[in-house]
Amino acid sequence: MYLLAEHQSSTDPLMAFRMLRYVTRIWDRYLEEHPRTRRLPAVIPLVVHHGRGRWASPVQLLDLIDLTPAARADMEAYLPRFGYLLDDLAGTDGAQLRNRELTPPALITLLLLKTAPGNPRIPAELRSWADQLRAVLDQADGGEAFIALLTYIELVSEAPASELRDLAASLGPDAEEAYMTTAEMLRTEGRAEGRAEALVEMLTVKFGPLPKSVPNTVHAASIDQIKAWAARAVTAETLDQVFS
C-alpha cells in the first residue's frame, strides 16, 4: 500500500487529474519491478493544502469531465470516479491541529506548512509548541528531523535570525546546535544563494551524498521553486519525491 501525499499552496482546478497521473506513474513503476503481477497495489492519494484561502477545486475526477447533467447520468457508470483525500489546513486552527493523533514531526510539519511562509512572528508562535518541538528532538534521528524543520522555517519565513536562534536555544543545546548548522550559511551567502545552500544542506542531511545534478538544479532555481522543494523535502522519503 502507498500513500501519495502532495503539498499545495494554491488551489489547482485540475488537481484530481494530476493526482490520477501520479497514481498511474506509481503503478507503472510497480509493474516494471513486478512484471508477472496481475494485481496493483493500493495507492491512497492525499492533498495537503496550506494556502491562505480555502480549497475550492473538485476532489473527484468525475466532476472535471465536461458533460451535461443528462449525459453524465447516462454515462456515469462508464466514467472514472477517482478521488483524493483533502486536508485543507486553511480551515484548521492550532487547537484542532494539536488534537490530531500524529507523531510530533508530522504535527509540527503541518503547523509550519500552515503558518511559516512569509511569517516574521513564527518563532514567537512556536513557543507554545515547545513540548512538541522538544519531542521531535527526543525521537530517534530527531536531530535530522529538527534540522529539516528549521531549514524549512529559514527558507520560507521572514523570521529574524536572533529570534529563531533564541527559540532553538530555549529548547536545549542540541536544538541550538541544529540551528547553527543551517542558519549561518543562509545568512552569510545572500538571500537567494543562501536559500539554495540551505536546501542542499537539508537534502544532504536527510538523504546523504547527493548526485552532482541536484546542487546545480537547486542553485539554478527561483526562490519560489526552492520554497516548494523545501516543503516537499520535509516529508519526502526519497529525492525523487522532492523533485517530482
C-alpha atoms as a PDB file:
ATOM      1  CA  MET A   1       0.000   0.000   0.000  1.00  0.00           C
ATOM      2  CA  TYR A   2       1.228   3.502  -0.884  1.00  0.00           C
ATOM      3  CA  LEU A   3       0.353   6.916   0.500  1.00  0.00           C
ATOM      4  CA  LEU A   4       0.697   9.599  -2.176  1.00  0.00           C
ATOM      5  CA  ALA A   5       0.944  12.997  -0.453  1.00  0.00           C
ATOM      6  CA  GLU A   6       1.078  16.238  -2.422  1.00  0.00           C
ATOM      7  CA  HIS A   7       1.512  19.727  -0.918  1.00  0.00           C
ATOM      8  CA  GLN A   8      -0.362  22.644  -2.455  1.00  0.00           C
ATOM      9  CA  SER A   9      -0.063  26.319  -1.534  1.00  0.00           C
ATOM     10  CA  SER A  10      -2.804  27.294  -4.002  1.00  0.00           C
ATOM     11  CA  THR A  11      -5.898  25.725  -5.500  1.00  0.00           C
ATOM     12  CA  ASP A  12      -5.446  23.739  -8.729  1.00  0.00           C
ATOM     13  CA  PRO A  13      -8.703  23.246 -10.691  1.00  0.00           C
ATOM     14  CA  LEU A  14      -7.297  20.080 -12.323  1.00  0.00           C
ATOM     15  CA  MET A  15      -5.840  18.568  -9.150  1.00  0.00           C
ATOM     16  CA  ALA A  16      -7.904  15.388  -9.450  1.00  0.00           C
ATOM     17  CA  PHE A  17      -6.409  14.702 -12.890  1.00  0.00           C
ATOM     18  CA  ARG A  18      -2.890  15.489 -11.658  1.00  0.00           C
ATOM     19  CA  MET A  19      -3.248  13.058  -8.765  1.00  0.00           C
ATOM     20  CA  LEU A  20      -4.532  10.348 -11.096  1.00  0.00           C
ATOM     21  CA  ARG A  21      -1.421  10.794 -13.244  1.00  0.00           C
ATOM     22  CA  TYR A  22       0.798  10.440 -10.164  1.00  0.00           C
ATOM     23  CA  VAL A  23      -1.037   7.248  -9.183  1.00  0.00           C
ATOM     24  CA  THR A  24      -0.585   5.712 -12.631  1.00  0.00           C
ATOM     25  CA  ARG A  25       3.138   6.534 -12.504  1.00  0.00           C
ATOM     26  CA  ILE A  26       3.411   4.593  -9.248  1.00  0.00           C
ATOM     27  CA  TRP A  27       1.612   1.679 -10.864  1.00  0.00           C
ATOM     28  CA  ASP A  28       3.842   1.857 -13.958  1.00  0.00           C
ATOM     29  CA  ARG A  29       6.944   1.667 -11.766  1.00  0.00           C
ATOM     30  CA  TYR A  30       5.425  -1.175  -9.768  1.00  0.00           C
ATOM     31  CA  LEU A  31       4.746  -3.136 -12.971  1.00  0.00           C
ATOM     32  CA  GLU A  32       8.321  -2.615 -14.113  1.00  0.00           C
ATOM     33  CA  GLU A  33       9.543  -4.078 -10.833  1.00  0.00           C
ATOM     34  CA  HIS A  34       6.938  -6.883 -10.755  1.00  0.00           C
ATOM     35  CA  PRO A  35       6.364  -7.840 -14.423  1.00  0.00           C
ATOM     36  CA  ARG A  36       4.438 -11.021 -13.588  1.00  0.00           C
ATOM     37  CA  THR A  37       1.888  -9.426 -11.289  1.00  0.00           C
ATOM     38  CA  ARG A  38      -1.790  -9.404 -12.200  1.00  0.00           C
ATOM     39  CA  ARG A  39      -2.886  -7.044  -9.444  1.00  0.00           C
ATOM     40  CA  LEU A  40      -1.980  -3.484  -8.465  1.00  0.00           C
ATOM     41  CA  PRO A  41      -1.149  -2.114  -5.015  1.00  0.00           C
ATOM     42  CA  ALA A  42      -3.479   0.310  -3.281  1.00  0.00           C
ATOM     43  CA  VAL A  43      -2.442   3.963  -3.609  1.00  0.00           C
ATOM     44  CA  ILE A  44      -4.152   6.409  -1.257  1.00  0.00           C
ATOM     45  CA  PRO A  45      -3.936   9.967  -2.686  1.00  0.00           C
ATOM     46  CA  LEU A  46      -3.785  12.872  -0.233  1.00  0.00           C
ATOM     47  CA  VAL A  47      -3.570  16.595  -0.967  1.00  0.00           C
ATOM     48  CA  VAL A  48      -2.397  18.828   1.893  1.00  0.00           C
ATOM     49  CA  HIS A  49      -3.444  22.411   1.175  1.00  0.00           C
ATOM     50  CA  HIS A  50      -1.661  25.137   3.126  1.00  0.00           C
ATOM     51  CA  GLY A  51      -2.714  28.242   1.227  1.00  0.00           C
ATOM     52  CA  ARG A  52      -4.433  31.212   2.848  1.00  0.00           C
ATOM     53  CA  GLY A  53      -7.835  30.689   1.255  1.00  0.00           C
ATOM     54  CA  ARG A  54      -9.976  27.565   1.429  1.00  0.00           C
ATOM     55  CA  TRP A  55      -9.618  24.840  -1.199  1.00  0.00           C
ATOM     56  CA  ALA A  56     -12.147  25.369  -3.982  1.00  0.00           C
ATOM     57  CA  SER A  57     -11.405  22.681  -6.602  1.00  0.00           C
ATOM     58  CA  PRO A  58     -13.179  19.361  -7.213  1.00  0.00           C
ATOM     59  CA  VAL A  59     -11.823  16.398  -5.268  1.00  0.00           C
ATOM     60  CA  GLN A  60     -13.235  13.867  -7.747  1.00  0.00           C
ATOM     61  CA  LEU A  61     -12.202  13.367 -11.357  1.00  0.00           C
ATOM     62  CA  LEU A  62     -15.789  12.776 -12.425  1.00  0.00           C
ATOM     63  CA  ASP A  63     -16.582  16.426 -11.645  1.00  0.00           C
ATOM     64  CA  LEU A  64     -13.966  17.580 -14.188  1.00  0.00           C
ATOM     65  CA  ILE A  65     -15.475  15.750 -17.147  1.00  0.00           C
ATOM     66  CA  ASP A  66     -17.390  18.169 -19.376  1.00  0.00           C
ATOM     67  CA  LEU A  67     -20.894  16.722 -19.751  1.00  0.00           C
ATOM     68  CA  THR A  68     -24.410  17.976 -19.360  1.00  0.00           C
ATOM     69  CA  PRO A  69     -26.270  16.589 -16.321  1.00  0.00           C
ATOM     70  CA  ALA A  70     -28.345  14.359 -18.583  1.00  0.00           C
ATOM     71  CA  ALA A  71     -25.326  12.983 -20.435  1.00  0.00           C
ATOM     72  CA  ARG A  72     -23.492  12.411 -17.187  1.00  0.00           C
ATOM     73  CA  ALA A  73     -26.423  10.434 -15.801  1.00  0.00           C
ATOM     74  CA  ASP A  74     -26.364   8.203 -18.902  1.00  0.00           C
ATOM     75  CA  MET A  75     -22.566   7.683 -18.918  1.00  0.00           C
ATOM     76  CA  GLU A  76     -21.667   7.792 -15.220  1.00  0.00           C
ATOM     77  CA  ALA A  77     -21.303   4.038 -14.927  1.00  0.00           C
ATOM     78  CA  TYR A  78     -18.502   4.139 -17.519  1.00  0.00           C
ATOM     79  CA  LEU A  79     -16.629   7.205 -16.278  1.00  0.00           C
ATOM     80  CA  PRO A  80     -13.743   7.230 -13.753  1.00  0.00           C
ATOM     81  CA  ARG A  81     -14.717   8.138 -10.203  1.00  0.00           C
ATOM     82  CA  PHE A  82     -11.166   8.656  -8.985  1.00  0.00           C
ATOM     83  CA  GLY A  83     -10.971  10.983  -5.979  1.00  0.00           C
ATOM     84  CA  TYR A  84      -8.436  12.101  -3.395  1.00  0.00           C
ATOM     85  CA  LEU A  85      -8.377  12.901   0.301  1.00  0.00           C
ATOM     86  CA  LEU A  86      -8.059  16.603   1.120  1.00  0.00           C
ATOM     87  CA  ASP A  87      -6.506  18.067   4.250  1.00  0.00           C
ATOM     88  CA  ASP A  88      -7.341  21.758   3.973  1.00  0.00           C
ATOM     89  CA  LEU A  89      -5.147  23.385   6.606  1.00  0.00           C
ATOM     90  CA  ALA A  90      -6.653  26.777   5.786  1.00  0.00           C
ATOM     91  CA  GLY A  91      -9.745  25.669   7.681  1.00  0.00           C
ATOM     92  CA  THR A  92      -7.860  24.166  10.639  1.00  0.00           C
ATOM     93  CA  ASP A  93      -6.740  26.188  13.657  1.00  0.00           C
ATOM     94  CA  GLY A  94      -3.901  25.441  16.066  1.00  0.00           C
ATOM     95  CA  ALA A  95      -6.129  23.780  18.665  1.00  0.00           C
ATOM     96  CA  GLN A  96      -7.589  21.422  16.079  1.00  0.00           C
ATOM     97  CA  LEU A  97      -4.108  20.533  14.860  1.00  0.00           C
ATOM     98  CA  ARG A  98      -2.883  19.815  18.371  1.00  0.00           C
ATOM     99  CA  ASN A  99      -5.767  17.383  18.930  1.00  0.00           C
ATOM    100  CA  ARG A 100      -4.772  15.233  15.968  1.00  0.00           C
ATOM    101  CA  GLU A 101      -3.267  11.836  16.743  1.00  0.00           C
ATOM    102  CA  LEU A 102       0.029  12.437  14.943  1.00  0.00           C
ATOM    103  CA  THR A 103       3.707  11.987  15.695  1.00  0.00           C
ATOM    104  CA  PRO A 104       5.478  15.197  16.810  1.00  0.00           C
ATOM    105  CA  PRO A 105       7.363  15.589  13.470  1.00  0.00           C
ATOM    106  CA  ALA A 106       4.142  15.192  11.485  1.00  0.00           C
ATOM    107  CA  LEU A 107       2.285  17.629  13.737  1.00  0.00           C
ATOM    108  CA  ILE A 108       4.976  20.312  13.548  1.00  0.00           C
ATOM    109  CA  THR A 109       5.293  19.802   9.790  1.00  0.00           C
ATOM    110  CA  LEU A 110       1.595  20.557   9.261  1.00  0.00           C
ATOM    111  CA  LEU A 111       1.807  23.539  11.607  1.00  0.00           C
ATOM    112  CA  LEU A 112       4.751  25.000   9.677  1.00  0.00           C
ATOM    113  CA  LEU A 113       3.149  24.401   6.297  1.00  0.00           C
ATOM    114  CA  LYS A 114       0.145  26.361   7.542  1.00  0.00           C
ATOM    115  CA  THR A 115       1.864  29.207   9.408  1.00  0.00           C
ATOM    116  CA  ALA A 116       5.532  29.623   8.435  1.00  0.00           C
ATOM    117  CA  PRO A 117       5.510  31.053   4.851  1.00  0.00           C
ATOM    118  CA  GLY A 118       6.211  34.783   4.959  1.00  0.00           C
ATOM    119  CA  ASN A 119       5.578  34.910   8.722  1.00  0.00           C
ATOM    120  CA  PRO A 120       8.037  37.073  10.728  1.00  0.00           C
ATOM    121  CA  ARG A 121       6.414  36.030  14.025  1.00  0.00           C
ATOM    122  CA  ILE A 122       6.832  32.288  13.629  1.00  0.00           C
ATOM    123  CA  PRO A 123       9.479  31.951  16.426  1.00  0.00           C
ATOM    124  CA  ALA A 124       7.121  33.574  18.950  1.00  0.00           C
ATOM    125  CA  GLU A 125       4.183  31.474  17.775  1.00  0.00           C
ATOM    126  CA  LEU A 126       6.218  28.272  18.086  1.00  0.00           C
ATOM    127  CA  ARG A 127       6.986  28.851  21.761  1.00  0.00           C
ATOM    128  CA  SER A 128       3.589  27.462  22.707  1.00  0.00           C
ATOM    129  CA  TRP A 129       4.588  24.309  20.803  1.00  0.00           C
ATOM    130  CA  ALA A 130       7.856  23.860  22.705  1.00  0.00           C
ATOM    131  CA  ASP A 131       6.759  20.480  24.069  1.00  0.00           C
ATOM    132  CA  GLN A 132       6.201  19.131  20.562  1.00  0.00           C
ATOM    133  CA  LEU A 133       9.462  20.608  19.254  1.00  0.00           C
ATOM    134  CA  ARG A 134      11.330  19.002  22.151  1.00  0.00           C
ATOM    135  CA  ALA A 135       9.573  15.713  21.394  1.00  0.00           C
ATOM    136  CA  VAL A 136      10.880  15.877  17.817  1.00  0.00           C
ATOM    137  CA  LEU A 137      14.442  16.185  19.123  1.00  0.00           C
ATOM    138  CA  ASP A 138      13.980  13.337  21.596  1.00  0.00           C
ATOM    139  CA  GLN A 139      12.928  10.797  18.960  1.00  0.00           C
ATOM    140  CA  ALA A 140      15.332   8.506  17.121  1.00  0.00           C
ATOM    141  CA  ASP A 141      17.054  10.583  14.409  1.00  0.00           C
ATOM    142  CA  GLY A 142      15.333  13.590  15.941  1.00  0.00           C
ATOM    143  CA  GLY A 143      18.286  15.859  15.203  1.00  0.00           C
ATOM    144  CA  GLU A 144      17.932  15.324  11.457  1.00  0.00           C
ATOM    145  CA  ALA A 145      14.185  15.891  11.590  1.00  0.00           C
ATOM    146  CA  PHE A 146      14.683  19.078  13.596  1.00  0.00           C
ATOM    147  CA  ILE A 147      17.267  20.372  11.123  1.00  0.00           C
ATOM    148  CA  ALA A 148      14.783  19.772   8.308  1.00  0.00           C
ATOM    149  CA  LEU A 149      12.095  21.740  10.147  1.00  0.00           C
ATOM    150  CA  LEU A 150      14.459  24.611  10.982  1.00  0.00           C
ATOM    151  CA  THR A 151      15.689  24.768   7.409  1.00  0.00           C
ATOM    152  CA  TYR A 152      12.123  24.996   6.145  1.00  0.00           C
ATOM    153  CA  ILE A 153      11.463  27.902   8.503  1.00  0.00           C
ATOM    154  CA  GLU A 154      14.616  29.642   7.273  1.00  0.00           C
ATOM    155  CA  LEU A 155      13.669  29.101   3.640  1.00  0.00           C
ATOM    156  CA  VAL A 156      10.066  30.282   3.706  1.00  0.00           C
ATOM    157  CA  SER A 157       9.579  32.649   6.658  1.00  0.00           C
ATOM    158  CA  GLU A 158      10.728  36.193   7.309  1.00  0.00           C
ATOM    159  CA  ALA A 159      11.709  35.449  10.908  1.00  0.00           C
ATOM    160  CA  PRO A 160      14.577  37.484  12.433  1.00  0.00           C
ATOM    161  CA  ALA A 161      17.654  35.310  12.913  1.00  0.00           C
ATOM    162  CA  SER A 162      18.046  36.325  16.554  1.00  0.00           C
ATOM    163  CA  GLU A 163      14.505  35.263  17.462  1.00  0.00           C
ATOM    164  CA  LEU A 164      14.811  31.910  15.738  1.00  0.00           C
ATOM    165  CA  ARG A 165      18.110  31.254  17.464  1.00  0.00           C
ATOM    166  CA  ASP A 166      16.595  32.202  20.843  1.00  0.00           C
ATOM    167  CA  LEU A 167      13.772  29.731  20.219  1.00  0.00           C
ATOM    168  CA  ALA A 168      16.253  26.957  19.435  1.00  0.00           C
ATOM    169  CA  ALA A 169      18.397  27.816  22.460  1.00  0.00           C
ATOM    170  CA  SER A 170      15.356  27.641  24.742  1.00  0.00           C
ATOM    171  CA  LEU A 171      14.866  24.014  23.695  1.00  0.00           C
ATOM    172  CA  GLY A 172      18.371  22.921  24.691  1.00  0.00           C
ATOM    173  CA  PRO A 173      21.977  22.767  23.421  1.00  0.00           C
ATOM    174  CA  ASP A 174      21.180  20.135  20.795  1.00  0.00           C
ATOM    175  CA  ALA A 175      18.471  22.358  19.304  1.00  0.00           C
ATOM    176  CA  GLU A 176      20.797  25.360  19.242  1.00  0.00           C
ATOM    177  CA  GLU A 177      23.485  23.281  17.522  1.00  0.00           C
ATOM    178  CA  ALA A 178      20.946  22.164  14.914  1.00  0.00           C
ATOM    179  CA  TYR A 179      20.080  25.791  14.272  1.00  0.00           C
ATOM    180  CA  MET A 180      23.721  26.671  13.718  1.00  0.00           C
ATOM    181  CA  THR A 181      24.141  24.006  11.031  1.00  0.00           C
ATOM    182  CA  THR A 182      21.719  25.850   8.730  1.00  0.00           C
ATOM    183  CA  ALA A 183      21.148  29.443   9.774  1.00  0.00           C
ATOM    184  CA  GLU A 184      24.659  30.818   9.457  1.00  0.00           C
ATOM    185  CA  MET A 185      25.013  29.500   5.931  1.00  0.00           C
ATOM    186  CA  LEU A 186      21.769  31.114   4.882  1.00  0.00           C
ATOM    187  CA  ARG A 187      22.570  34.471   6.446  1.00  0.00           C
ATOM    188  CA  THR A 188      26.103  34.769   5.073  1.00  0.00           C
ATOM    189  CA  GLU A 189      25.602  33.569   1.498  1.00  0.00           C
ATOM    190  CA  GLY A 190      22.978  36.125   0.479  1.00  0.00           C
ATOM    191  CA  ARG A 191      19.260  35.637   0.222  1.00  0.00           C
ATOM    192  CA  ALA A 192      18.777  33.601  -2.975  1.00  0.00           C
ATOM    193  CA  GLU A 193      22.123  31.810  -2.841  1.00  0.00           C
ATOM    194  CA  GLY A 194      21.731  31.190   0.870  1.00  0.00           C
ATOM    195  CA  ARG A 195      18.333  29.604   0.435  1.00  0.00           C
ATOM    196  CA  ALA A 196      19.766  27.304  -2.233  1.00  0.00           C
ATOM    197  CA  GLU A 197      22.687  26.322   0.011  1.00  0.00           C
ATOM    198  CA  ALA A 198      20.341  25.694   2.925  1.00  0.00           C
ATOM    199  CA  LEU A 199      18.149  23.405   0.823  1.00  0.00           C
ATOM    200  CA  VAL A 200      21.178  21.480  -0.461  1.00  0.00           C
ATOM    201  CA  GLU A 201      22.386  21.076   3.134  1.00  0.00           C
ATOM    202  CA  MET A 202      18.929  19.951   4.206  1.00  0.00           C
ATOM    203  CA  LEU A 203      18.796  17.335   1.439  1.00  0.00           C
ATOM    204  CA  THR A 204      22.309  16.110   2.256  1.00  0.00           C
ATOM    205  CA  VAL A 205      21.486  15.683   5.932  1.00  0.00           C
ATOM    206  CA  LYS A 206      18.316  13.760   5.086  1.00  0.00           C
ATOM    207  CA  PHE A 207      19.376  11.658   2.080  1.00  0.00           C
ATOM    208  CA  GLY A 208      23.169  11.509   2.270  1.00  0.00           C
ATOM    209  CA  PRO A 209      25.579  12.435  -0.575  1.00  0.00           C
ATOM    210  CA  LEU A 210      23.663  13.976  -3.476  1.00  0.00           C
ATOM    211  CA  PRO A 211      24.104  13.421  -7.225  1.00  0.00           C
ATOM    212  CA  LYS A 212      26.036  16.306  -8.791  1.00  0.00           C
ATOM    213  CA  SER A 213      22.950  17.352 -10.737  1.00  0.00           C
ATOM    214  CA  VAL A 214      20.960  18.158  -7.585  1.00  0.00           C
ATOM    215  CA  PRO A 215      23.009  21.156  -6.318  1.00  0.00           C
ATOM    216  CA  ASN A 216      23.162  22.513  -9.876  1.00  0.00           C
ATOM    217  CA  THR A 217      19.386  22.251 -10.208  1.00  0.00           C
ATOM    218  CA  VAL A 218      18.766  23.900  -6.839  1.00  0.00           C
ATOM    219  CA  HIS A 219      21.152  26.804  -7.465  1.00  0.00           C
ATOM    220  CA  ALA A 220      19.541  27.498 -10.845  1.00  0.00           C
ATOM    221  CA  ALA A 221      16.018  27.599  -9.380  1.00  0.00           C
ATOM    222  CA  SER A 222      13.902  30.557  -8.344  1.00  0.00           C
ATOM    223  CA  ILE A 223      13.208  31.288  -4.678  1.00  0.00           C
ATOM    224  CA  ASP A 224       9.582  30.189  -5.151  1.00  0.00           C
ATOM    225  CA  GLN A 225      10.721  26.846  -6.574  1.00  0.00           C
ATOM    226  CA  ILE A 226      13.199  26.379  -3.720  1.00  0.00           C
ATOM    227  CA  LYS A 227      10.374  27.006  -1.237  1.00  0.00           C
ATOM    228  CA  ALA A 228       8.220  24.382  -2.969  1.00  0.00           C
ATOM    229  CA  TRP A 229      11.027  21.797  -2.889  1.00  0.00           C
ATOM    230  CA  ALA A 230      11.715  22.588   0.761  1.00  0.00           C
ATOM    231  CA  ALA A 231       8.074  21.934   1.630  1.00  0.00           C
ATOM    232  CA  ARG A 232       8.231  18.535  -0.072  1.00  0.00           C
ATOM    233  CA  ALA A 233      11.599  17.679   1.470  1.00  0.00           C
ATOM    234  CA  VAL A 234      10.205  17.909   4.989  1.00  0.00           C
ATOM    235  CA  THR A 235       8.095  14.762   4.466  1.00  0.00           C
ATOM    236  CA  ALA A 236       9.690  13.118   1.392  1.00  0.00           C
ATOM    237  CA  GLU A 237      11.279   9.697   1.737  1.00  0.00           C
ATOM    238  CA  THR A 238      13.297   9.897  -1.497  1.00  0.00           C
ATOM    239  CA  LEU A 239      14.906  12.593  -3.666  1.00  0.00           C
ATOM    240  CA  ASP A 240      12.523  11.690  -6.471  1.00  0.00           C
ATOM    241  CA  GLN A 241       9.603  12.753  -4.294  1.00  0.00           C
ATOM    242  CA  VAL A 242      11.213  16.145  -3.696  1.00  0.00           C
ATOM    243  CA  PHE A 243      11.733  16.963  -7.373  1.00  0.00           C
ATOM    244  CA  SER A 244       8.733  15.175  -8.932  1.00  0.00           C
END
